[in-house]
Amino acid sequence: MKKVAVSIHARDDFNPNIIHGLDDLDFIHVDVSDGKFSSVRNLNLDVFRILNESYQIPIIAHMMVIDPPYYIEKIIEYIETFTFHFEIEQDKNGIIEKVRSKGKKVGIAINPDTKIEEIVPYLNAINLVLVMSVYPGGSGQKFIPHSIEKVNDLNKHKEKYDFLIDIDGGINIDNAKKLNVDILSSTSTILNASDPNKVISILKHSDEI
């Protein structure tokens, strides 16, 4: 059975009730964007504290920012996993060590153009790889089909390394069946559904269909 994360944006007008009543969520995936790494800017870091106080659900912070270390101290106490992008120019090993020194898990996110072999040197030190199946930005983008093959390539490394595979971007009931991942992260497929809990259940059991 796969795990499911609902993806939400750290917007100024964030309302924690947006996920109220969603049963059996495994994670809350929070997108933070600085307007520099991508064109979108969502930097309401209070979202993490509010979610942490409102729900007993582990939080994955997806930091689409050019300076991840700046944000670690600001949110680390509220989250389970701090995920930063491989494509930044900062010292990746330094970021990994800093997050782990806080007793938290660390993930690396990769954009559609980044190849799996580029992140192999870090797989022994991280807990999660977030495969972006759209380009960083707003929700509602179409799933990039090549992501299926990318996930399959990444799975080959799980024999040697212990990490989870998360995928984010354009996830729906149809493509979920084709994705050999641990976590499905979705915004619109869940939140725009007439019966969100039914959709969560279908996504969780998508590897059984």
N, C-alpha and C. Protein backbone atom coordinates (compact mmCIF):
# COMPACT_ATOMS: atom_id res chain seq x y z
N MET A 1 0.84 -1.20 0.00
CA MET A 1 0.00 0.00 0.00
C MET A 1 0.87 1.25 0.00
N LYS A 2 0.52 2.19 -0.84
CA LYS A 2 1.24 3.45 -0.89
C LYS A 2 0.76 4.40 0.21
N LYS A 3 1.58 5.38 0.51
CA LYS A 3 1.19 6.42 1.44
C LYS A 3 0.80 7.66 0.64
N VAL A 4 -0.03 8.49 1.25
CA VAL A 4 -0.55 9.67 0.55
C VAL A 4 -0.28 10.93 1.36
N ALA A 5 0.19 11.94 0.66
CA ALA A 5 0.39 13.26 1.25
C ALA A 5 -0.50 14.26 0.52
N VAL A 6 -1.15 15.12 1.26
CA VAL A 6 -1.86 16.21 0.63
C VAL A 6 -0.90 17.39 0.54
N SER A 7 -0.78 17.96 -0.64
CA SER A 7 0.14 19.08 -0.85
C SER A 7 -0.61 20.40 -0.72
N ILE A 8 -0.05 21.28 0.08
CA ILE A 8 -0.62 22.61 0.22
C ILE A 8 0.50 23.65 0.10
N HIS A 9 0.14 24.84 -0.22
CA HIS A 9 1.10 25.91 -0.42
C HIS A 9 1.15 26.83 0.79
N ALA A 10 2.33 27.31 1.10
CA ALA A 10 2.52 28.21 2.24
C ALA A 10 2.10 29.63 1.86
N ARG A 11 0.83 29.77 1.57
CA ARG A 11 0.30 31.06 1.11
C ARG A 11 -0.09 31.94 2.28
N ASP A 12 -0.13 33.24 2.02
CA ASP A 12 -0.53 34.19 3.07
C ASP A 12 -1.97 33.97 3.51
N ASP A 13 -2.81 33.52 2.60
CA ASP A 13 -4.23 33.31 2.93
C ASP A 13 -4.52 31.86 3.31
N PHE A 14 -3.50 31.14 3.77
CA PHE A 14 -3.66 29.74 4.16
C PHE A 14 -4.72 29.57 5.24
N ASN A 15 -5.56 28.56 5.04
CA ASN A 15 -6.60 28.21 6.01
C ASN A 15 -6.42 26.75 6.40
N PRO A 16 -6.08 26.47 7.67
CA PRO A 16 -5.82 25.08 8.08
C PRO A 16 -7.03 24.17 7.90
N ASN A 17 -8.22 24.75 7.82
CA ASN A 17 -9.43 23.93 7.66
C ASN A 17 -9.53 23.29 6.28
N ILE A 18 -8.63 23.67 5.37
CA ILE A 18 -8.66 23.13 4.01
C ILE A 18 -8.49 21.62 4.02
N ILE A 19 -7.83 21.09 5.05
CA ILE A 19 -7.64 19.64 5.11
C ILE A 19 -8.42 19.01 6.26
N HIS A 20 -9.27 19.78 6.89
CA HIS A 20 -10.07 19.23 7.99
C HIS A 20 -11.00 18.13 7.47
N GLY A 21 -11.03 17.02 8.18
CA GLY A 21 -11.92 15.92 7.80
C GLY A 21 -11.33 14.95 6.81
N LEU A 22 -10.08 15.18 6.39
CA LEU A 22 -9.44 14.23 5.49
C LEU A 22 -8.89 13.08 6.32
N ASP A 23 -9.44 11.90 6.12
CA ASP A 23 -9.05 10.74 6.91
C ASP A 23 -7.89 9.99 6.25
N ASP A 24 -7.08 9.37 7.07
CA ASP A 24 -6.03 8.45 6.60
C ASP A 24 -4.93 9.11 5.80
N LEU A 25 -4.73 10.41 5.98
CA LEU A 25 -3.57 11.04 5.38
C LEU A 25 -2.32 10.56 6.11
N ASP A 26 -1.27 10.29 5.36
CA ASP A 26 -0.02 9.88 5.98
C ASP A 26 0.91 11.06 6.23
N PHE A 27 0.82 12.05 5.36
CA PHE A 27 1.68 13.22 5.47
C PHE A 27 0.94 14.47 5.01
N ILE A 28 1.41 15.62 5.50
CA ILE A 28 1.06 16.91 4.91
C ILE A 28 2.33 17.44 4.24
N HIS A 29 2.22 17.70 2.97
CA HIS A 29 3.35 18.17 2.16
C HIS A 29 3.16 19.67 1.95
N VAL A 30 4.09 20.47 2.46
CA VAL A 30 3.95 21.93 2.38
C VAL A 30 4.98 22.49 1.42
N ASP A 31 4.49 23.16 0.38
CA ASP A 31 5.35 23.80 -0.61
C ASP A 31 5.69 25.22 -0.20
N VAL A 32 6.98 25.48 -0.07
CA VAL A 32 7.47 26.83 0.20
C VAL A 32 8.25 27.31 -1.01
N SER A 33 7.91 28.48 -1.52
CA SER A 33 8.57 29.02 -2.72
C SER A 33 9.03 30.45 -2.44
N ASP A 34 10.27 30.75 -2.80
CA ASP A 34 10.82 32.07 -2.51
C ASP A 34 10.69 33.06 -3.67
N GLY A 35 10.10 32.62 -4.79
CA GLY A 35 9.96 33.51 -5.94
C GLY A 35 11.25 33.67 -6.73
N LYS A 36 12.29 32.94 -6.31
CA LYS A 36 13.58 32.99 -7.00
C LYS A 36 13.92 31.63 -7.62
N PHE A 37 13.73 30.58 -6.84
CA PHE A 37 13.95 29.24 -7.38
C PHE A 37 12.91 28.94 -8.47
N SER A 38 11.69 29.40 -8.24
CA SER A 38 10.63 29.35 -9.26
C SER A 38 9.93 30.70 -9.25
N SER A 39 9.03 30.91 -10.18
CA SER A 39 8.37 32.22 -10.29
C SER A 39 7.32 32.45 -9.20
N VAL A 40 6.93 31.37 -8.52
CA VAL A 40 5.89 31.48 -7.50
C VAL A 40 6.51 31.86 -6.16
N ARG A 41 5.78 32.69 -5.40
CA ARG A 41 6.27 33.08 -4.09
C ARG A 41 5.21 32.76 -3.03
N ASN A 42 5.50 31.77 -2.20
CA ASN A 42 4.64 31.39 -1.07
C ASN A 42 5.55 31.18 0.14
N LEU A 43 5.60 32.19 1.02
CA LEU A 43 6.58 32.19 2.10
C LEU A 43 5.95 32.39 3.48
N ASN A 44 4.74 31.94 3.66
CA ASN A 44 4.10 32.06 4.97
C ASN A 44 4.54 30.89 5.85
N LEU A 45 5.63 31.08 6.59
CA LEU A 45 6.19 29.99 7.39
C LEU A 45 5.34 29.67 8.61
N ASP A 46 4.40 30.53 8.95
CA ASP A 46 3.48 30.24 10.06
C ASP A 46 2.64 28.99 9.77
N VAL A 47 2.53 28.64 8.51
CA VAL A 47 1.77 27.45 8.11
C VAL A 47 2.26 26.22 8.87
N PHE A 48 3.57 26.11 9.05
CA PHE A 48 4.12 24.93 9.71
C PHE A 48 3.69 24.84 11.17
N ARG A 49 3.77 25.94 11.87
CA ARG A 49 3.36 25.96 13.28
C ARG A 49 1.87 25.66 13.40
N ILE A 50 1.07 26.29 12.56
CA ILE A 50 -0.38 26.10 12.62
C ILE A 50 -0.76 24.65 12.35
N LEU A 51 -0.16 24.06 11.33
CA LEU A 51 -0.46 22.66 11.00
C LEU A 51 0.00 21.72 12.12
N ASN A 52 1.17 22.01 12.66
CA ASN A 52 1.70 21.18 13.73
C ASN A 52 0.81 21.20 14.96
N GLU A 53 0.21 22.36 15.24
CA GLU A 53 -0.67 22.51 16.39
C GLU A 53 -2.07 21.96 16.12
N SER A 54 -2.47 21.92 14.85
CA SER A 54 -3.84 21.55 14.49
C SER A 54 -4.02 20.08 14.18
N TYR A 55 -2.95 19.41 13.71
CA TYR A 55 -3.07 18.02 13.25
C TYR A 55 -1.91 17.18 13.76
N GLN A 56 -2.17 15.92 14.00
CA GLN A 56 -1.13 14.98 14.40
C GLN A 56 -0.67 14.18 13.17
N ILE A 57 -0.26 14.90 12.14
CA ILE A 57 0.16 14.29 10.88
C ILE A 57 1.56 14.79 10.55
N PRO A 58 2.50 13.90 10.25
CA PRO A 58 3.86 14.33 9.94
C PRO A 58 3.89 15.29 8.75
N ILE A 59 4.76 16.28 8.85
CA ILE A 59 4.87 17.31 7.83
C ILE A 59 6.18 17.17 7.05
N ILE A 60 6.04 17.15 5.73
CA ILE A 60 7.20 17.19 4.84
C ILE A 60 7.30 18.61 4.29
N ALA A 61 8.39 19.28 4.58
CA ALA A 61 8.61 20.63 4.04
C ALA A 61 9.33 20.52 2.70
N HIS A 62 8.69 21.02 1.66
CA HIS A 62 9.29 21.01 0.32
C HIS A 62 9.76 22.42 0.03
N MET A 63 11.06 22.63 0.15
CA MET A 63 11.63 23.98 0.08
C MET A 63 12.13 24.30 -1.33
N MET A 64 11.29 24.99 -2.08
CA MET A 64 11.67 25.44 -3.42
C MET A 64 12.29 26.83 -3.28
N VAL A 65 13.49 26.83 -2.72
CA VAL A 65 14.18 28.08 -2.37
C VAL A 65 15.65 27.95 -2.74
N ILE A 66 16.30 29.09 -2.94
CA ILE A 66 17.71 29.07 -3.32
C ILE A 66 18.64 29.01 -2.11
N ASP A 67 18.09 29.29 -0.91
CA ASP A 67 18.92 29.31 0.30
C ASP A 67 18.26 28.49 1.41
N PRO A 68 18.23 27.16 1.27
CA PRO A 68 17.57 26.33 2.27
C PRO A 68 18.06 26.51 3.71
N PRO A 69 19.38 26.68 3.96
CA PRO A 69 19.82 26.79 5.35
C PRO A 69 19.15 27.94 6.12
N TYR A 70 18.78 28.99 5.40
CA TYR A 70 18.14 30.14 6.04
C TYR A 70 16.83 29.73 6.74
N TYR A 71 16.17 28.71 6.21
CA TYR A 71 14.84 28.35 6.69
C TYR A 71 14.85 27.22 7.73
N ILE A 72 15.97 26.54 7.89
CA ILE A 72 15.99 25.37 8.77
C ILE A 72 15.55 25.71 10.19
N GLU A 73 16.20 26.68 10.80
CA GLU A 73 15.88 27.03 12.19
C GLU A 73 14.46 27.53 12.34
N LYS A 74 13.92 28.14 11.30
CA LYS A 74 12.60 28.75 11.38
C LYS A 74 11.46 27.73 11.42
N ILE A 75 11.69 26.53 10.85
CA ILE A 75 10.58 25.58 10.76
C ILE A 75 10.88 24.20 11.33
N ILE A 76 12.13 23.92 11.65
CA ILE A 76 12.55 22.56 11.94
C ILE A 76 11.78 21.90 13.08
N GLU A 77 11.36 22.66 14.07
CA GLU A 77 10.68 22.06 15.23
C GLU A 77 9.28 21.56 14.88
N TYR A 78 8.74 22.01 13.76
CA TYR A 78 7.35 21.68 13.41
C TYR A 78 7.24 20.55 12.39
N ILE A 79 8.35 20.11 11.83
CA ILE A 79 8.29 19.19 10.70
C ILE A 79 8.95 17.85 11.01
N GLU A 80 8.69 16.88 10.13
CA GLU A 80 9.38 15.60 10.21
C GLU A 80 10.53 15.54 9.22
N THR A 81 10.29 16.05 8.00
CA THR A 81 11.29 15.94 6.93
C THR A 81 11.51 17.29 6.25
N PHE A 82 12.76 17.68 6.13
CA PHE A 82 13.14 18.92 5.44
C PHE A 82 13.70 18.53 4.08
N THR A 83 12.99 18.90 3.02
CA THR A 83 13.37 18.52 1.66
C THR A 83 13.78 19.76 0.87
N PHE A 84 14.99 19.71 0.34
CA PHE A 84 15.50 20.83 -0.45
C PHE A 84 15.85 20.35 -1.86
N HIS A 85 16.02 21.29 -2.77
CA HIS A 85 16.24 20.93 -4.17
C HIS A 85 17.72 20.71 -4.50
N PHE A 86 17.94 19.65 -5.24
CA PHE A 86 19.30 19.31 -5.68
C PHE A 86 19.89 20.42 -6.54
N GLU A 87 19.05 21.14 -7.25
CA GLU A 87 19.52 22.10 -8.25
C GLU A 87 20.10 23.39 -7.66
N ILE A 88 20.02 23.57 -6.35
CA ILE A 88 20.59 24.78 -5.74
C ILE A 88 22.11 24.74 -5.82
N GLU A 89 22.75 25.88 -5.59
CA GLU A 89 24.20 25.97 -5.69
C GLU A 89 24.89 25.82 -4.34
N GLN A 90 24.15 25.62 -3.28
CA GLN A 90 24.73 25.54 -1.94
C GLN A 90 25.35 24.17 -1.65
N ASP A 91 26.08 24.09 -0.56
CA ASP A 91 26.72 22.85 -0.13
C ASP A 91 25.65 21.88 0.35
N LYS A 92 25.37 20.87 -0.46
CA LYS A 92 24.29 19.93 -0.14
C LYS A 92 24.61 19.07 1.08
N ASN A 93 25.85 18.63 1.18
CA ASN A 93 26.22 17.83 2.34
C ASN A 93 26.10 18.62 3.64
N GLY A 94 26.41 19.90 3.57
CA GLY A 94 26.28 20.76 4.74
C GLY A 94 24.83 20.89 5.19
N ILE A 95 23.92 21.01 4.23
CA ILE A 95 22.50 21.10 4.54
C ILE A 95 22.00 19.80 5.16
N ILE A 96 22.41 18.69 4.57
CA ILE A 96 22.02 17.37 5.09
C ILE A 96 22.48 17.21 6.53
N GLU A 97 23.72 17.56 6.79
CA GLU A 97 24.28 17.41 8.14
C GLU A 97 23.56 18.32 9.14
N LYS A 98 23.22 19.52 8.71
CA LYS A 98 22.56 20.45 9.62
C LYS A 98 21.17 19.96 10.01
N VAL A 99 20.43 19.46 9.03
CA VAL A 99 19.08 18.95 9.32
C VAL A 99 19.16 17.72 10.22
N ARG A 100 20.06 16.83 9.91
CA ARG A 100 20.19 15.61 10.71
C ARG A 100 20.65 15.92 12.13
N SER A 101 21.44 16.97 12.29
CA SER A 101 21.90 17.36 13.63
C SER A 101 20.74 17.83 14.51
N LYS A 102 19.64 18.21 13.86
CA LYS A 102 18.44 18.63 14.59
C LYS A 102 17.53 17.45 14.91
N GLY A 103 17.96 16.25 14.52
CA GLY A 103 17.17 15.06 14.79
C GLY A 103 16.01 14.86 13.84
N LYS A 104 16.07 15.50 12.68
CA LYS A 104 14.99 15.39 11.70
C LYS A 104 15.47 14.67 10.45
N LYS A 105 14.51 14.23 9.65
CA LYS A 105 14.81 13.55 8.40
C LYS A 105 15.08 14.58 7.31
N VAL A 106 15.79 14.14 6.29
CA VAL A 106 16.14 15.07 5.21
C VAL A 106 15.86 14.41 3.86
N GLY A 107 15.38 15.22 2.94
CA GLY A 107 15.09 14.73 1.59
C GLY A 107 15.70 15.63 0.54
N ILE A 108 15.91 15.07 -0.63
CA ILE A 108 16.36 15.85 -1.78
C ILE A 108 15.29 15.76 -2.86
N ALA A 109 14.90 16.91 -3.39
CA ALA A 109 13.93 17.00 -4.48
C ALA A 109 14.68 17.20 -5.79
N ILE A 110 14.17 16.59 -6.85
CA ILE A 110 14.81 16.75 -8.15
C ILE A 110 13.78 17.19 -9.20
N ASN A 111 14.18 18.16 -9.99
CA ASN A 111 13.34 18.67 -11.07
C ASN A 111 13.29 17.67 -12.23
N PRO A 112 12.32 17.82 -13.14
CA PRO A 112 12.19 16.88 -14.26
C PRO A 112 13.44 16.70 -15.11
N ASP A 113 14.28 17.73 -15.19
CA ASP A 113 15.47 17.63 -16.04
C ASP A 113 16.69 17.03 -15.33
N THR A 114 16.60 16.85 -14.03
CA THR A 114 17.72 16.31 -13.27
C THR A 114 17.72 14.79 -13.37
N LYS A 115 18.89 14.23 -13.66
CA LYS A 115 19.00 12.77 -13.85
C LYS A 115 19.24 12.08 -12.51
N ILE A 116 18.75 10.86 -12.40
CA ILE A 116 18.87 10.09 -11.17
C ILE A 116 20.34 9.91 -10.76
N GLU A 117 21.21 9.65 -11.73
CA GLU A 117 22.61 9.39 -11.39
C GLU A 117 23.28 10.57 -10.69
N GLU A 118 22.73 11.77 -10.88
CA GLU A 118 23.32 12.94 -10.25
C GLU A 118 23.16 12.93 -8.73
N ILE A 119 22.13 12.28 -8.23
CA ILE A 119 21.89 12.30 -6.78
C ILE A 119 22.37 11.04 -6.07
N VAL A 120 22.86 10.06 -6.82
CA VAL A 120 23.31 8.80 -6.21
C VAL A 120 24.32 9.02 -5.09
N PRO A 121 25.28 9.96 -5.23
CA PRO A 121 26.26 10.14 -4.14
C PRO A 121 25.64 10.56 -2.80
N TYR A 122 24.39 11.00 -2.82
CA TYR A 122 23.75 11.47 -1.59
C TYR A 122 22.77 10.46 -0.99
N LEU A 123 22.52 9.37 -1.69
CA LEU A 123 21.47 8.44 -1.27
C LEU A 123 21.77 7.76 0.07
N ASN A 124 23.04 7.66 0.42
CA ASN A 124 23.38 7.01 1.69
C ASN A 124 23.15 7.92 2.89
N ALA A 125 22.86 9.19 2.63
CA ALA A 125 22.76 10.15 3.73
C ALA A 125 21.37 10.76 3.90
N ILE A 126 20.44 10.40 3.00
CA ILE A 126 19.11 11.02 3.06
C ILE A 126 18.02 9.98 3.30
N ASN A 127 16.85 10.49 3.65
CA ASN A 127 15.71 9.62 3.97
C ASN A 127 14.68 9.55 2.85
N LEU A 128 14.70 10.52 1.95
CA LEU A 128 13.64 10.64 0.96
C LEU A 128 14.14 11.30 -0.31
N VAL A 129 13.65 10.83 -1.43
CA VAL A 129 13.87 11.52 -2.71
C VAL A 129 12.50 11.93 -3.24
N LEU A 130 12.34 13.22 -3.49
CA LEU A 130 11.10 13.76 -4.03
C LEU A 130 11.29 13.98 -5.53
N VAL A 131 10.62 13.18 -6.32
CA VAL A 131 10.69 13.31 -7.78
C VAL A 131 9.61 14.27 -8.22
N MET A 132 10.01 15.36 -8.84
CA MET A 132 9.05 16.33 -9.37
C MET A 132 8.58 15.86 -10.74
N SER A 133 7.29 15.62 -10.86
CA SER A 133 6.73 15.18 -12.13
C SER A 133 6.06 16.33 -12.88
N VAL A 134 6.32 17.54 -12.39
CA VAL A 134 6.03 18.79 -13.10
C VAL A 134 7.18 19.73 -12.75
N TYR A 135 7.23 20.87 -13.41
CA TYR A 135 8.24 21.86 -13.06
C TYR A 135 7.75 22.69 -11.87
N PRO A 136 8.65 23.06 -10.96
CA PRO A 136 8.23 23.80 -9.77
C PRO A 136 7.41 25.03 -10.13
N GLY A 137 6.33 25.21 -9.40
CA GLY A 137 5.42 26.33 -9.65
C GLY A 137 4.07 26.04 -9.05
N GLY A 138 3.04 26.49 -9.70
CA GLY A 138 1.68 26.32 -9.19
C GLY A 138 1.14 24.92 -9.39
N SER A 139 0.05 24.61 -8.69
CA SER A 139 -0.58 23.30 -8.82
C SER A 139 -1.45 23.26 -10.07
N GLY A 140 -1.85 22.06 -10.47
CA GLY A 140 -2.72 21.90 -11.63
C GLY A 140 -1.99 21.63 -12.92
N GLN A 141 -0.66 21.51 -12.87
CA GLN A 141 0.11 21.22 -14.08
C GLN A 141 -0.08 19.75 -14.49
N LYS A 142 0.20 19.48 -15.75
CA LYS A 142 0.06 18.12 -16.26
C LYS A 142 1.28 17.27 -15.92
N PHE A 143 1.01 16.05 -15.55
CA PHE A 143 2.03 15.06 -15.21
C PHE A 143 2.95 14.81 -16.41
N ILE A 144 4.25 14.76 -16.15
CA ILE A 144 5.23 14.48 -17.20
C ILE A 144 5.44 12.96 -17.27
N PRO A 145 5.03 12.29 -18.36
CA PRO A 145 5.06 10.83 -18.45
C PRO A 145 6.42 10.20 -18.19
N HIS A 146 7.49 10.90 -18.56
CA HIS A 146 8.85 10.36 -18.36
C HIS A 146 9.13 10.09 -16.88
N SER A 147 8.34 10.67 -16.00
CA SER A 147 8.56 10.49 -14.57
C SER A 147 8.39 9.03 -14.15
N ILE A 148 7.60 8.27 -14.89
CA ILE A 148 7.40 6.85 -14.57
C ILE A 148 8.71 6.09 -14.71
N GLU A 149 9.39 6.32 -15.83
CA GLU A 149 10.68 5.67 -16.07
C GLU A 149 11.72 6.14 -15.05
N LYS A 150 11.64 7.41 -14.70
CA LYS A 150 12.59 7.99 -13.74
C LYS A 150 12.45 7.31 -12.37
N VAL A 151 11.22 7.12 -11.96
CA VAL A 151 10.95 6.44 -10.69
C VAL A 151 11.48 5.00 -10.75
N ASN A 152 11.28 4.34 -11.86
CA ASN A 152 11.77 2.96 -12.01
C ASN A 152 13.29 2.91 -11.89
N ASP A 153 13.97 3.88 -12.48
CA ASP A 153 15.43 3.95 -12.37
C ASP A 153 15.85 4.17 -10.92
N LEU A 154 15.14 5.02 -10.23
CA LEU A 154 15.47 5.33 -8.84
C LEU A 154 15.27 4.11 -7.95
N ASN A 155 14.26 3.33 -8.25
CA ASN A 155 13.98 2.14 -7.45
C ASN A 155 15.12 1.13 -7.47
N LYS A 156 15.90 1.12 -8.53
CA LYS A 156 17.02 0.19 -8.63
C LYS A 156 18.04 0.41 -7.52
N HIS A 157 18.07 1.62 -6.98
CA HIS A 157 19.06 1.95 -5.95
C HIS A 157 18.56 1.62 -4.55
N LYS A 158 17.32 1.19 -4.43
CA LYS A 158 16.79 0.88 -3.11
C LYS A 158 17.32 -0.45 -2.57
N GLU A 159 17.95 -1.24 -3.43
CA GLU A 159 18.58 -2.46 -2.95
C GLU A 159 19.80 -2.15 -2.08
N LYS A 160 20.42 -1.01 -2.36
CA LYS A 160 21.65 -0.64 -1.64
C LYS A 160 21.40 0.44 -0.59
N TYR A 161 20.45 1.33 -0.85
CA TYR A 161 20.23 2.46 0.05
C TYR A 161 18.82 2.44 0.62
N ASP A 162 18.67 3.01 1.81
CA ASP A 162 17.39 3.02 2.50
C ASP A 162 16.77 4.42 2.42
N PHE A 163 15.86 4.61 1.51
CA PHE A 163 15.19 5.90 1.35
C PHE A 163 13.79 5.67 0.78
N LEU A 164 12.93 6.66 0.98
CA LEU A 164 11.58 6.62 0.43
C LEU A 164 11.54 7.41 -0.86
N ILE A 165 10.67 6.98 -1.76
CA ILE A 165 10.45 7.72 -3.01
C ILE A 165 9.09 8.41 -2.92
N ASP A 166 9.12 9.71 -3.06
CA ASP A 166 7.92 10.54 -3.07
C ASP A 166 7.81 11.14 -4.47
N ILE A 167 6.59 11.37 -4.93
CA ILE A 167 6.42 12.01 -6.24
C ILE A 167 5.36 13.08 -6.13
N ASP A 168 5.60 14.20 -6.81
CA ASP A 168 4.75 15.37 -6.65
C ASP A 168 4.57 16.06 -7.99
N GLY A 169 3.30 16.26 -8.39
CA GLY A 169 3.03 17.03 -9.59
C GLY A 169 2.13 16.31 -10.57
N GLY A 170 0.89 16.74 -10.66
CA GLY A 170 -0.03 16.16 -11.63
C GLY A 170 -0.47 14.75 -11.30
N ILE A 171 -0.36 14.35 -10.04
CA ILE A 171 -0.72 12.99 -9.66
C ILE A 171 -2.24 12.83 -9.66
N ASN A 172 -2.70 11.76 -10.31
CA ASN A 172 -4.13 11.46 -10.31
C ASN A 172 -4.34 9.95 -10.21
N ILE A 173 -5.58 9.55 -10.22
CA ILE A 173 -5.91 8.13 -10.03
C ILE A 173 -5.33 7.27 -11.14
N ASP A 174 -5.28 7.79 -12.35
CA ASP A 174 -4.79 7.00 -13.49
C ASP A 174 -3.28 6.79 -13.44
N ASN A 175 -2.50 7.87 -13.29
CA ASN A 175 -1.06 7.68 -13.32
C ASN A 175 -0.51 7.09 -12.03
N ALA A 176 -1.28 7.18 -10.93
CA ALA A 176 -0.84 6.59 -9.66
C ALA A 176 -0.62 5.09 -9.79
N LYS A 177 -1.41 4.44 -10.63
CA LYS A 177 -1.30 2.99 -10.82
C LYS A 177 0.05 2.60 -11.43
N LYS A 178 0.65 3.52 -12.17
CA LYS A 178 1.87 3.22 -12.91
C LYS A 178 3.13 3.60 -12.14
N LEU A 179 2.96 4.17 -10.95
CA LEU A 179 4.09 4.71 -10.22
C LEU A 179 4.49 3.82 -9.05
N ASN A 180 5.69 3.28 -9.13
CA ASN A 180 6.22 2.44 -8.06
C ASN A 180 6.93 3.33 -7.04
N VAL A 181 6.14 3.97 -6.20
CA VAL A 181 6.66 4.92 -5.22
C VAL A 181 6.13 4.57 -3.83
N ASP A 182 6.73 5.21 -2.83
CA ASP A 182 6.27 5.03 -1.45
C ASP A 182 5.20 6.04 -1.09
N ILE A 183 5.33 7.27 -1.63
CA ILE A 183 4.43 8.35 -1.27
C ILE A 183 3.92 9.05 -2.53
N LEU A 184 2.62 9.24 -2.59
CA LEU A 184 1.99 10.04 -3.65
C LEU A 184 1.57 11.38 -3.03
N SER A 185 2.09 12.47 -3.58
CA SER A 185 1.73 13.80 -3.09
C SER A 185 0.82 14.47 -4.10
N SER A 186 -0.31 14.97 -3.63
CA SER A 186 -1.29 15.54 -4.55
C SER A 186 -2.03 16.70 -3.91
N THR A 187 -2.32 17.69 -4.74
CA THR A 187 -3.12 18.84 -4.30
C THR A 187 -4.52 18.74 -4.86
N SER A 188 -4.66 19.06 -6.14
CA SER A 188 -5.98 19.22 -6.74
C SER A 188 -6.76 17.92 -6.83
N THR A 189 -6.08 16.79 -7.09
CA THR A 189 -6.81 15.52 -7.19
C THR A 189 -7.55 15.22 -5.90
N ILE A 190 -6.96 15.59 -4.77
CA ILE A 190 -7.60 15.35 -3.48
C ILE A 190 -8.55 16.49 -3.11
N LEU A 191 -8.03 17.70 -3.12
CA LEU A 191 -8.81 18.82 -2.58
C LEU A 191 -9.98 19.25 -3.47
N ASN A 192 -9.90 18.96 -4.76
CA ASN A 192 -10.99 19.33 -5.67
C ASN A 192 -12.00 18.20 -5.87
N ALA A 193 -11.78 17.07 -5.22
CA ALA A 193 -12.68 15.93 -5.39
C ALA A 193 -13.98 16.12 -4.62
N SER A 194 -15.07 15.56 -5.15
CA SER A 194 -16.35 15.62 -4.45
C SER A 194 -16.32 14.76 -3.18
N ASP A 195 -15.48 13.71 -3.22
CA ASP A 195 -15.30 12.84 -2.05
C ASP A 195 -13.80 12.63 -1.85
N PRO A 196 -13.12 13.59 -1.19
CA PRO A 196 -11.67 13.51 -1.03
C PRO A 196 -11.19 12.24 -0.34
N ASN A 197 -11.94 11.77 0.65
CA ASN A 197 -11.51 10.57 1.38
C ASN A 197 -11.53 9.33 0.49
N LYS A 198 -12.49 9.28 -0.42
CA LYS A 198 -12.53 8.16 -1.36
C LYS A 198 -11.30 8.19 -2.28
N VAL A 199 -10.94 9.39 -2.71
CA VAL A 199 -9.77 9.54 -3.58
C VAL A 199 -8.50 9.13 -2.83
N ILE A 200 -8.38 9.53 -1.58
CA ILE A 200 -7.21 9.14 -0.78
C ILE A 200 -7.12 7.62 -0.70
N SER A 201 -8.23 6.97 -0.46
CA SER A 201 -8.25 5.51 -0.37
C SER A 201 -7.84 4.86 -1.69
N ILE A 202 -8.35 5.39 -2.81
CA ILE A 202 -8.00 4.84 -4.13
C ILE A 202 -6.51 5.01 -4.40
N LEU A 203 -5.97 6.17 -4.07
CA LEU A 203 -4.54 6.41 -4.28
C LEU A 203 -3.71 5.45 -3.43
N LYS A 204 -4.12 5.24 -2.21
CA LYS A 204 -3.37 4.34 -1.33
C LYS A 204 -3.32 2.92 -1.88
N HIS A 205 -4.41 2.50 -2.49
CA HIS A 205 -4.50 1.13 -2.99
C HIS A 205 -4.22 1.03 -4.49
N SER A 206 -3.60 2.07 -5.05
CA SER A 206 -3.39 2.10 -6.50
C SER A 206 -2.41 1.04 -6.98
N ASP A 207 -1.59 0.50 -6.09
CA ASP A 207 -0.67 -0.54 -6.51
C ASP A 207 -1.34 -1.92 -6.51
N GLU A 208 -2.59 -1.96 -6.07
CA GLU A 208 -3.33 -3.23 -6.03
C GLU A 208 -4.29 -3.38 -7.20
N ILE A 209 -4.42 -2.31 -7.99
CA ILE A 209 -5.39 -2.31 -9.09
C ILE A 209 -4.79 -2.96 -10.34
